């Protein structure tokens, strides 16, 4: 496959842009809200189930894609193999009537010893570990965690291999890295991007567009 890889340096930071060949649109989805999302716990490559809200988000994204994409078009479905991405992809696959492939490279950042913990719990269990860290830098500090460079390498490797229109379900942190690579953003600035769970990012012809899904409101509490 032919891809465009352009490297530059801005302020000493390496900027990489990975552009798939013409016609290879990527529809990038973040998994629906999980129980640990709601509790503000770090998930990394551990897992927790989708909340009721997360299940509604997954259904809304499936509906959006089914109305947007041609069921007869050769669209590939691929997801991170973690439970929350599988649960989000399930209604999409049902709506589009297509099989799903799973790729380890789409997993979330590995957070080592900190997975399942809140930031407050980390500060108590690992005194000083967060000292001086920016909101992004702290994700790269856990013992046994993944480096920024390693994330860029594995996610960039996946993106460079995209050779047909693809719906991909990934995660918040890894999704921002992917979009940063596609758009050629400063790797640190890429992490400032939003990470919504109720829509789809369309990556096509070097541009990114967010499509908002319509999520059903929560049912009123019974009395």
C-alpha atoms as a PDB file:
ATOM      1  CA  UNK A   1       0.000   0.000   0.000  1.00  0.00           C
ATOM      2  CA  UNK A   2       1.129   3.537  -0.775  1.00  0.00           C
ATOM      3  CA  UNK A   3       0.970   5.987   2.136  1.00  0.00           C
ATOM      4  CA  UNK A   4       2.239   9.495   2.597  1.00  0.00           C
ATOM      5  CA  UNK A   5       4.591   9.907   5.543  1.00  0.00           C
ATOM      6  CA  UNK A   6       5.926  13.384   6.137  1.00  0.00           C
ATOM      7  CA  UNK A   7       8.201  14.270   9.037  1.00  0.00           C
ATOM      8  CA  UNK A   8       9.167  17.674  10.343  1.00  0.00           C
ATOM      9  CA  UNK A   9      10.271  19.151  13.620  1.00  0.00           C
ATOM     10  CA  UNK A  10       8.499  21.980  15.421  1.00  0.00           C
ATOM     11  CA  UNK A  11      10.197  23.209  18.572  1.00  0.00           C
ATOM     12  CA  UNK A  12      12.295  20.059  18.638  1.00  0.00           C
ATOM     13  CA  UNK A  13       9.245  17.770  18.537  1.00  0.00           C
ATOM     14  CA  UNK A  14       8.988  15.326  15.654  1.00  0.00           C
ATOM     15  CA  UNK A  15       5.796  15.813  13.641  1.00  0.00           C
ATOM     16  CA  UNK A  16       4.581  12.822  11.640  1.00  0.00           C
ATOM     17  CA  UNK A  17       1.670  12.746   9.217  1.00  0.00           C
ATOM     18  CA  UNK A  18       0.237   9.481   7.954  1.00  0.00           C
ATOM     19  CA  UNK A  19      -2.223   9.832   5.107  1.00  0.00           C
ATOM     20  CA  UNK A  20      -3.995   6.785   3.745  1.00  0.00           C
ATOM     21  CA  UNK A  21      -4.475   6.505   0.017  1.00  0.00           C
ATOM     22  CA  UNK A  22      -7.419   8.302  -1.702  1.00  0.00           C
ATOM     23  CA  UNK A  23     -10.801   6.772  -1.000  1.00  0.00           C
ATOM     24  CA  UNK A  24      -9.731   5.083   2.245  1.00  0.00           C
ATOM     25  CA  UNK A  25     -12.038   6.887   4.646  1.00  0.00           C
ATOM     26  CA  UNK A  26     -11.651   6.011   8.331  1.00  0.00           C
ATOM     27  CA  UNK A  27     -14.716   6.320  10.556  1.00  0.00           C
ATOM     28  CA  UNK A  28     -13.139   6.502  14.024  1.00  0.00           C
ATOM     29  CA  UNK A  29     -15.306   5.759  17.074  1.00  0.00           C
ATOM     30  CA  UNK A  30     -14.509   5.891  20.766  1.00  0.00           C
ATOM     31  CA  UNK A  31     -16.189   3.241  22.917  1.00  0.00           C
ATOM     32  CA  UNK A  32     -19.263   4.230  24.938  1.00  0.00           C
ATOM     33  CA  UNK A  33     -19.082   5.380  28.539  1.00  0.00           C
ATOM     34  CA  UNK A  34     -17.964   2.702  31.008  1.00  0.00           C
ATOM     35  CA  UNK A  35     -18.406   2.268  34.732  1.00  0.00           C
ATOM     36  CA  UNK A  36     -14.789   3.299  35.318  1.00  0.00           C
ATOM     37  CA  UNK A  37     -15.263   6.352  33.067  1.00  0.00           C
ATOM     38  CA  UNK A  38     -18.149   7.397  35.288  1.00  0.00           C
ATOM     39  CA  UNK A  39     -16.021   6.797  38.409  1.00  0.00           C
ATOM     40  CA  UNK A  40     -13.040   8.624  36.854  1.00  0.00           C
ATOM     41  CA  UNK A  41     -10.836   5.552  37.160  1.00  0.00           C
ATOM     42  CA  UNK A  42      -7.960   4.915  34.772  1.00  0.00           C
ATOM     43  CA  UNK A  43      -8.760   1.967  32.541  1.00  0.00           C
ATOM     44  CA  UNK A  44      -5.812   1.570  30.218  1.00  0.00           C
ATOM     45  CA  UNK A  45      -5.824  -2.013  28.993  1.00  0.00           C
ATOM     46  CA  UNK A  46      -7.972  -3.249  31.867  1.00  0.00           C
ATOM     47  CA  UNK A  47     -11.722  -3.110  31.433  1.00  0.00           C
ATOM     48  CA  UNK A  48     -15.082  -2.253  32.909  1.00  0.00           C
ATOM     49  CA  UNK A  49     -18.588  -2.700  31.440  1.00  0.00           C
ATOM     50  CA  UNK A  50     -20.464  -0.039  29.509  1.00  0.00           C
ATOM     51  CA  UNK A  51     -22.922   1.955  31.573  1.00  0.00           C
ATOM     52  CA  UNK A  52     -26.529   2.315  30.453  1.00  0.00           C
ATOM     53  CA  UNK A  53     -25.511   5.645  28.961  1.00  0.00           C
ATOM     54  CA  UNK A  54     -22.602   3.948  27.181  1.00  0.00           C
ATOM     55  CA  UNK A  55     -24.927   1.368  25.660  1.00  0.00           C
ATOM     56  CA  UNK A  56     -27.199   4.138  24.389  1.00  0.00           C
ATOM     57  CA  UNK A  57     -24.174   5.909  22.891  1.00  0.00           C
ATOM     58  CA  UNK A  58     -23.135   2.721  21.078  1.00  0.00           C
ATOM     59  CA  UNK A  59     -26.645   2.276  19.660  1.00  0.00           C
ATOM     60  CA  UNK A  60     -26.742   5.915  18.549  1.00  0.00           C
ATOM     61  CA  UNK A  61     -23.400   5.608  16.744  1.00  0.00           C
ATOM     62  CA  UNK A  62     -24.602   2.398  15.072  1.00  0.00           C
ATOM     63  CA  UNK A  63     -27.715   4.209  13.874  1.00  0.00           C
ATOM     64  CA  UNK A  64     -25.649   7.132  12.570  1.00  0.00           C
ATOM     65  CA  UNK A  65     -23.314   4.848  10.623  1.00  0.00           C
ATOM     66  CA  UNK A  66     -26.154   2.754   9.224  1.00  0.00           C
ATOM     67  CA  UNK A  67     -27.780   5.925   7.867  1.00  0.00           C
ATOM     68  CA  UNK A  68     -24.489   7.325   6.573  1.00  0.00           C
ATOM     69  CA  UNK A  69     -22.825   4.302   4.984  1.00  0.00           C
ATOM     70  CA  UNK A  70     -23.985   2.167   2.103  1.00  0.00           C
ATOM     71  CA  UNK A  71     -24.537  -1.392   3.401  1.00  0.00           C
ATOM     72  CA  UNK A  72     -23.307  -2.697   0.063  1.00  0.00           C
ATOM     73  CA  UNK A  73     -20.058  -0.717   0.145  1.00  0.00           C
ATOM     74  CA  UNK A  74     -16.840  -2.640   0.971  1.00  0.00           C
ATOM     75  CA  UNK A  75     -16.406  -1.237   4.477  1.00  0.00           C
ATOM     76  CA  UNK A  76     -14.103  -3.039   6.892  1.00  0.00           C
ATOM     77  CA  UNK A  77     -14.966  -3.152  10.607  1.00  0.00           C
ATOM     78  CA  UNK A  78     -12.053  -3.334  13.053  1.00  0.00           C
ATOM     79  CA  UNK A  79     -11.857  -2.775  16.792  1.00  0.00           C
ATOM     80  CA  UNK A  80      -9.576  -2.937  19.762  1.00  0.00           C
ATOM     81  CA  UNK A  81     -10.061  -6.379  21.368  1.00  0.00           C
ATOM     82  CA  UNK A  82     -10.903  -4.971  24.803  1.00  0.00           C
ATOM     83  CA  UNK A  83     -14.382  -5.606  26.200  1.00  0.00           C
ATOM     84  CA  UNK A  84     -15.657  -2.038  26.033  1.00  0.00           C
ATOM     85  CA  UNK A  85     -14.722  -1.675  22.365  1.00  0.00           C
ATOM     86  CA  UNK A  86     -16.238  -5.065  21.523  1.00  0.00           C
ATOM     87  CA  UNK A  87     -19.484  -3.999  23.228  1.00  0.00           C
ATOM     88  CA  UNK A  88     -19.513  -0.730  21.283  1.00  0.00           C
ATOM     89  CA  UNK A  89     -18.783  -2.412  17.973  1.00  0.00           C
ATOM     90  CA  UNK A  90     -21.479  -5.087  18.400  1.00  0.00           C
ATOM     91  CA  UNK A  91     -24.466  -2.888  17.448  1.00  0.00           C
ATOM     92  CA  UNK A  92     -22.451  -1.277  14.634  1.00  0.00           C
ATOM     93  CA  UNK A  93     -21.681  -4.688  13.137  1.00  0.00           C
ATOM     94  CA  UNK A  94     -25.334  -5.697  13.472  1.00  0.00           C
ATOM     95  CA  UNK A  95     -26.518  -2.482  11.812  1.00  0.00           C
ATOM     96  CA  UNK A  96     -24.066  -2.795   8.908  1.00  0.00           C
ATOM     97  CA  UNK A  97     -24.304  -6.563   8.577  1.00  0.00           C
ATOM     98  CA  UNK A  98     -20.548  -7.047   8.459  1.00  0.00           C
ATOM     99  CA  UNK A  99     -17.975  -9.159  10.353  1.00  0.00           C
ATOM    100  CA  UNK A 100     -15.533  -7.595  12.782  1.00  0.00           C
ATOM    101  CA  UNK A 101     -11.763  -7.955  12.949  1.00  0.00           C
ATOM    102  CA  UNK A 102      -9.811  -7.169  16.123  1.00  0.00           C
ATOM    103  CA  UNK A 103      -6.387  -5.562  16.220  1.00  0.00           C
ATOM    104  CA  UNK A 104      -4.236  -5.227  19.358  1.00  0.00           C
ATOM    105  CA  UNK A 105      -2.697  -2.037  17.950  1.00  0.00           C
ATOM    106  CA  UNK A 106      -5.978  -0.182  18.549  1.00  0.00           C
ATOM    107  CA  UNK A 107      -5.864  -0.831  22.312  1.00  0.00           C
ATOM    108  CA  UNK A 108      -5.818   1.988  24.832  1.00  0.00           C
ATOM    109  CA  UNK A 109      -2.578   3.240  26.374  1.00  0.00           C
ATOM    110  CA  UNK A 110      -1.093   0.745  28.811  1.00  0.00           C
ATOM    111  CA  UNK A 111      -1.076   2.293  32.303  1.00  0.00           C
ATOM    112  CA  UNK A 112       0.746  -0.450  34.167  1.00  0.00           C
ATOM    113  CA  UNK A 113       0.339  -0.399  37.944  1.00  0.00           C
ATOM    114  CA  UNK A 114      -2.142   2.475  37.846  1.00  0.00           C
ATOM    115  CA  UNK A 115      -4.930   0.770  35.927  1.00  0.00           C
ATOM    116  CA  UNK A 116      -8.200   0.759  37.872  1.00  0.00           C
ATOM    117  CA  UNK A 117      -7.113   3.622  40.148  1.00  0.00           C
ATOM    118  CA  UNK A 118      -8.246   7.238  40.495  1.00  0.00           C
ATOM    119  CA  UNK A 119      -5.709  10.073  40.478  1.00  0.00           C
ATOM    120  CA  UNK A 120      -6.311  10.554  44.207  1.00  0.00           C
ATOM    121  CA  UNK A 121      -5.547   6.902  44.889  1.00  0.00           C
ATOM    122  CA  UNK A 122      -2.398   7.146  42.779  1.00  0.00           C
ATOM    123  CA  UNK A 123      -1.147  10.149  44.747  1.00  0.00           C
ATOM    124  CA  UNK A 124      -1.618   8.199  47.991  1.00  0.00           C
ATOM    125  CA  UNK A 125      -0.105   4.931  46.750  1.00  0.00           C
ATOM    126  CA  UNK A 126       2.759   6.488  44.753  1.00  0.00           C
ATOM    127  CA  UNK A 127       3.843   9.639  46.635  1.00  0.00           C
ATOM    128  CA  UNK A 128       5.543  12.178  44.369  1.00  0.00           C
ATOM    129  CA  UNK A 129       4.861  10.238  41.171  1.00  0.00           C
ATOM    130  CA  UNK A 130       2.736  13.039  39.745  1.00  0.00           C
ATOM    131  CA  UNK A 131       4.880  15.949  40.918  1.00  0.00           C
ATOM    132  CA  UNK A 132       5.465  18.484  38.139  1.00  0.00           C
ATOM    133  CA  UNK A 133       3.582  16.456  35.545  1.00  0.00           C
ATOM    134  CA  UNK A 134       1.286  18.129  33.035  1.00  0.00           C
ATOM    135  CA  UNK A 135      -2.190  16.589  32.555  1.00  0.00           C
ATOM    136  CA  UNK A 136      -0.792  14.587  29.621  1.00  0.00           C
ATOM    137  CA  UNK A 137       2.632  13.724  31.034  1.00  0.00           C
ATOM    138  CA  UNK A 138       1.133  11.939  34.035  1.00  0.00           C
ATOM    139  CA  UNK A 139      -0.261   9.215  31.759  1.00  0.00           C
ATOM    140  CA  UNK A 140       3.283   8.240  30.831  1.00  0.00           C
ATOM    141  CA  UNK A 141       4.576   7.927  34.410  1.00  0.00           C
ATOM    142  CA  UNK A 142       3.042   4.697  35.803  1.00  0.00           C
ATOM    143  CA  UNK A 143       5.394   1.791  36.604  1.00  0.00           C
ATOM    144  CA  UNK A 144       5.121  -0.688  33.756  1.00  0.00           C
ATOM    145  CA  UNK A 145       3.213   1.776  31.592  1.00  0.00           C
ATOM    146  CA  UNK A 146       3.506   2.541  27.896  1.00  0.00           C
ATOM    147  CA  UNK A 147       5.596   5.365  26.485  1.00  0.00           C
ATOM    148  CA  UNK A 148       4.323   8.036  24.120  1.00  0.00           C
ATOM    149  CA  UNK A 149       6.761   6.870  21.451  1.00  0.00           C
ATOM    150  CA  UNK A 150       5.521   3.286  21.720  1.00  0.00           C
ATOM    151  CA  UNK A 151       1.918   4.427  21.297  1.00  0.00           C
ATOM    152  CA  UNK A 152       2.783   6.478  18.230  1.00  0.00           C
ATOM    153  CA  UNK A 153       4.631   3.527  16.701  1.00  0.00           C
ATOM    154  CA  UNK A 154       1.862   0.953  17.138  1.00  0.00           C
ATOM    155  CA  UNK A 155      -1.034   3.247  16.197  1.00  0.00           C
ATOM    156  CA  UNK A 156       0.878   4.735  13.281  1.00  0.00           C
ATOM    157  CA  UNK A 157       1.646   1.224  12.071  1.00  0.00           C
ATOM    158  CA  UNK A 158      -2.055   0.399  12.021  1.00  0.00           C
ATOM    159  CA  UNK A 159      -3.048   3.635  10.287  1.00  0.00           C
ATOM    160  CA  UNK A 160      -0.403   3.212   7.595  1.00  0.00           C
ATOM    161  CA  UNK A 161      -1.885  -0.170   6.651  1.00  0.00           C
ATOM    162  CA  UNK A 162      -5.452   1.048   6.069  1.00  0.00           C
ATOM    163  CA  UNK A 163      -6.202   0.156   2.450  1.00  0.00           C
ATOM    164  CA  UNK A 164     -10.006   0.374   2.263  1.00  0.00           C
ATOM    165  CA  UNK A 165     -12.873   2.337   3.890  1.00  0.00           C
ATOM    166  CA  UNK A 166     -12.812   1.348   7.563  1.00  0.00           C
ATOM    167  CA  UNK A 167     -14.931   1.765  10.678  1.00  0.00           C
ATOM    168  CA  UNK A 168     -12.592   1.535  13.674  1.00  0.00           C
ATOM    169  CA  UNK A 169     -13.602   1.439  17.348  1.00  0.00           C
ATOM    170  CA  UNK A 170     -10.800   2.468  19.668  1.00  0.00           C
ATOM    171  CA  UNK A 171     -10.340   4.511  22.846  1.00  0.00           C
ATOM    172  CA  UNK A 172     -10.003   8.056  24.130  1.00  0.00           C
ATOM    173  CA  UNK A 173      -6.243   8.405  24.452  1.00  0.00           C
ATOM    174  CA  UNK A 174      -5.340   6.194  21.505  1.00  0.00           C
ATOM    175  CA  UNK A 175      -8.009   7.861  19.358  1.00  0.00           C
ATOM    176  CA  UNK A 176      -6.403  11.255  19.935  1.00  0.00           C
ATOM    177  CA  UNK A 177      -2.999   9.868  18.971  1.00  0.00           C
ATOM    178  CA  UNK A 178      -4.485   8.378  15.788  1.00  0.00           C
ATOM    179  CA  UNK A 179      -6.156  11.648  14.804  1.00  0.00           C
ATOM    180  CA  UNK A 180      -2.966  13.532  15.553  1.00  0.00           C
ATOM    181  CA  UNK A 181      -0.994  11.269  13.241  1.00  0.00           C
ATOM    182  CA  UNK A 182      -3.589  11.581  10.494  1.00  0.00           C
ATOM    183  CA  UNK A 183      -3.638  15.384  10.705  1.00  0.00           C
ATOM    184  CA  UNK A 184       0.102  15.806  11.267  1.00  0.00           C
ATOM    185  CA  UNK A 185      -0.343  17.489  14.657  1.00  0.00           C
ATOM    186  CA  UNK A 186       2.292  18.114  17.277  1.00  0.00           C
ATOM    187  CA  UNK A 187       2.150  14.824  19.271  1.00  0.00           C
ATOM    188  CA  UNK A 188       1.574  16.674  22.548  1.00  0.00           C
ATOM    189  CA  UNK A 189      -0.973  19.089  21.090  1.00  0.00           C
ATOM    190  CA  UNK A 190      -2.824  16.103  19.624  1.00  0.00           C
ATOM    191  CA  UNK A 191      -3.685  15.026  23.162  1.00  0.00           C
ATOM    192  CA  UNK A 192      -5.601  18.305  23.667  1.00  0.00           C
ATOM    193  CA  UNK A 193      -8.227  17.149  21.173  1.00  0.00           C
ATOM    194  CA  UNK A 194     -11.695  16.235  22.460  1.00  0.00           C
ATOM    195  CA  UNK A 195     -12.566  12.583  23.036  1.00  0.00           C
ATOM    196  CA  UNK A 196     -16.374  12.340  22.723  1.00  0.00           C
ATOM    197  CA  UNK A 197     -18.233   9.052  23.084  1.00  0.00           C
ATOM    198  CA  UNK A 198     -21.368  10.045  21.192  1.00  0.00           C
ATOM    199  CA  UNK A 199     -20.300  10.414  17.588  1.00  0.00           C
ATOM    200  CA  UNK A 200     -17.863   9.535  14.818  1.00  0.00           C
ATOM    201  CA  UNK A 201     -14.741  11.212  13.481  1.00  0.00           C
ATOM    202  CA  UNK A 202     -14.562  10.993   9.681  1.00  0.00           C
ATOM    203  CA  UNK A 203     -10.963  11.014   8.436  1.00  0.00           C
ATOM    204  CA  UNK A 204     -10.823  11.558   4.686  1.00  0.00           C
ATOM    205  CA  UNK A 205      -8.567  13.313   2.177  1.00  0.00           C
ATOM    206  CA  UNK A 206      -6.342  14.623   4.962  1.00  0.00           C
ATOM    207  CA  UNK A 207      -9.238  16.289   6.814  1.00  0.00           C
ATOM    208  CA  UNK A 208     -11.176  15.417   9.964  1.00  0.00           C
ATOM    209  CA  UNK A 209     -14.871  15.975  10.600  1.00  0.00           C
ATOM    210  CA  UNK A 210     -16.930  15.050  13.674  1.00  0.00           C
ATOM    211  CA  UNK A 211     -20.430  13.679  13.132  1.00  0.00           C
ATOM    212  CA  UNK A 212     -22.675  13.922  16.184  1.00  0.00           C
ATOM    213  CA  UNK A 213     -24.945  10.990  16.991  1.00  0.00           C
ATOM    214  CA  UNK A 214     -28.347  11.473  18.587  1.00  0.00           C
ATOM    215  CA  UNK A 215     -28.382   9.676  21.935  1.00  0.00           C
ATOM    216  CA  UNK A 216     -31.759   8.887  23.483  1.00  0.00           C
ATOM    217  CA  UNK A 217     -32.400  10.700  26.722  1.00  0.00           C
ATOM    218  CA  UNK A 218     -32.331   8.713  29.950  1.00  0.00           C
ATOM    219  CA  UNK A 219     -35.681   7.343  30.997  1.00  0.00           C
ATOM    220  CA  UNK A 220     -37.301   9.315  33.790  1.00  0.00           C
ATOM    221  CA  UNK A 221     -36.831   7.742  37.203  1.00  0.00           C
ATOM    222  CA  UNK A 222     -39.881   5.875  38.424  1.00  0.00           C
ATOM    223  CA  UNK A 223     -41.644   7.120  41.545  1.00  0.00           C
END
